[in-house]
Amino acid sequence: MTTPPSPEPPDAERPSREDLDRQVRERYATWRDQPRGLGCAVVAAFLVLTTVAFVLAGVAIIAAAR
């Protein structure tokens, strides 16, 4: 036995694609926003490690000169 067809269209209860896209953007932002924090962390780590390396090289040169 089958159920009679509903008078409403099948996607009457489903949100539109635009609504779904807006909800995703509000919750997760856009994909472009995600790597920015990782990129900043990588650049900051590179700067810190480079600075430490130059300081240690300077200390080693001064110690070798004595």
C-alpha atoms as a PDB file:
ATOM      1  CA  MET A   1       0.000   0.000   0.000  1.00  0.00           C
ATOM      2  CA  THR A   2       1.391   3.398  -0.943  1.00  0.00           C
ATOM      3  CA  THR A   3       0.742   6.772   0.633  1.00  0.00           C
ATOM      4  CA  PRO A   4      -0.994   9.409  -1.430  1.00  0.00           C
ATOM      5  CA  PRO A   5       1.221  12.187  -2.757  1.00  0.00           C
ATOM      6  CA  SER A   6       1.582  15.262  -0.612  1.00  0.00           C
ATOM      7  CA  PRO A   7       0.006  18.476  -1.929  1.00  0.00           C
ATOM      8  CA  GLU A   8       3.198  20.398  -1.027  1.00  0.00           C
ATOM      9  CA  PRO A   9       6.258  20.266  -3.303  1.00  0.00           C
ATOM     10  CA  PRO A  10       9.029  17.963  -2.018  1.00  0.00           C
ATOM     11  CA  ASP A  11      11.410  20.807  -1.151  1.00  0.00           C
ATOM     12  CA  ALA A  12       8.910  22.999   0.659  1.00  0.00           C
ATOM     13  CA  GLU A  13      10.490  22.273   4.058  1.00  0.00           C
ATOM     14  CA  ARG A  14      14.101  22.424   2.853  1.00  0.00           C
ATOM     15  CA  PRO A  15      15.969  25.751   3.040  1.00  0.00           C
ATOM     16  CA  SER A  16      17.236  27.265  -0.177  1.00  0.00           C
ATOM     17  CA  ARG A  17      20.816  26.939  -1.297  1.00  0.00           C
ATOM     18  CA  GLU A  18      21.412  30.618  -0.483  1.00  0.00           C
ATOM     19  CA  ASP A  19      20.156  30.098   3.084  1.00  0.00           C
ATOM     20  CA  LEU A  20      22.405  27.090   3.549  1.00  0.00           C
ATOM     21  CA  ASP A  21      25.417  28.979   2.175  1.00  0.00           C
ATOM     22  CA  ARG A  22      24.715  31.910   4.489  1.00  0.00           C
ATOM     23  CA  GLN A  23      24.436  29.607   7.522  1.00  0.00           C
ATOM     24  CA  VAL A  24      27.765  27.937   6.680  1.00  0.00           C
ATOM     25  CA  ARG A  25      29.482  31.323   6.207  1.00  0.00           C
ATOM     26  CA  GLU A  26      28.133  32.585   9.535  1.00  0.00           C
ATOM     27  CA  ARG A  27      29.268  29.481  11.405  1.00  0.00           C
ATOM     28  CA  TYR A  28      32.579  28.650   9.762  1.00  0.00           C
ATOM     29  CA  ALA A  29      33.479  31.868   7.895  1.00  0.00           C
ATOM     30  CA  THR A  30      34.978  31.362   4.465  1.00  0.00           C
ATOM     31  CA  TRP A  31      37.775  29.025   3.502  1.00  0.00           C
ATOM     32  CA  ARG A  32      40.011  32.035   2.837  1.00  0.00           C
ATOM     33  CA  ASP A  33      39.883  33.037   6.509  1.00  0.00           C
ATOM     34  CA  GLN A  34      41.169  29.713   7.769  1.00  0.00           C
ATOM     35  CA  PRO A  35      44.816  29.640   6.599  1.00  0.00           C
ATOM     36  CA  ARG A  36      45.520  33.196   7.728  1.00  0.00           C
ATOM     37  CA  GLY A  37      46.248  32.197  11.336  1.00  0.00           C
ATOM     38  CA  LEU A  38      48.460  29.324  10.261  1.00  0.00           C
ATOM     39  CA  GLY A  39      50.367  31.573   7.874  1.00  0.00           C
ATOM     40  CA  CYS A  40      50.967  34.144  10.597  1.00  0.00           C
ATOM     41  CA  ALA A  41      52.189  31.427  12.967  1.00  0.00           C
ATOM     42  CA  VAL A  42      54.627  30.089  10.363  1.00  0.00           C
ATOM     43  CA  VAL A  43      56.019  33.558   9.589  1.00  0.00           C
ATOM     44  CA  ALA A  44      56.324  34.402  13.297  1.00  0.00           C
ATOM     45  CA  ALA A  45      58.114  31.120  14.021  1.00  0.00           C
ATOM     46  CA  PHE A  46      60.513  31.748  11.124  1.00  0.00           C
ATOM     47  CA  LEU A  47      61.306  35.250  12.406  1.00  0.00           C
ATOM     48  CA  VAL A  48      61.884  34.044  15.963  1.00  0.00           C
ATOM     49  CA  LEU A  49      64.100  31.135  14.903  1.00  0.00           C
ATOM     50  CA  THR A  50      66.086  33.338  12.510  1.00  0.00           C
ATOM     51  CA  THR A  51      66.669  35.902  15.256  1.00  0.00           C
ATOM     52  CA  VAL A  52      67.789  33.210  17.693  1.00  0.00           C
ATOM     53  CA  ALA A  53      70.146  31.759  15.076  1.00  0.00           C
ATOM     54  CA  PHE A  54      71.765  35.150  14.424  1.00  0.00           C
ATOM     55  CA  VAL A  55      72.174  35.810  18.150  1.00  0.00           C
ATOM     56  CA  LEU A  56      73.780  32.405  18.700  1.00  0.00           C
ATOM     57  CA  ALA A  57      76.053  32.929  15.681  1.00  0.00           C
ATOM     58  CA  GLY A  58      77.100  36.303  17.087  1.00  0.00           C
ATOM     59  CA  VAL A  59      77.836  34.783  20.484  1.00  0.00           C
ATOM     60  CA  ALA A  60      79.856  31.989  18.852  1.00  0.00           C
ATOM     61  CA  ILE A  61      81.917  34.498  16.828  1.00  0.00           C
ATOM     62  CA  ILE A  62      82.622  36.628  19.875  1.00  0.00           C
ATOM     63  CA  ALA A  63      83.564  33.558  21.939  1.00  0.00           C
ATOM     64  CA  ALA A  64      85.890  32.329  19.162  1.00  0.00           C
ATOM     65  CA  ALA A  65      87.614  35.707  18.924  1.00  0.00           C
ATOM     66  CA  ARG A  66      88.613  35.692  22.581  1.00  0.00           C
END
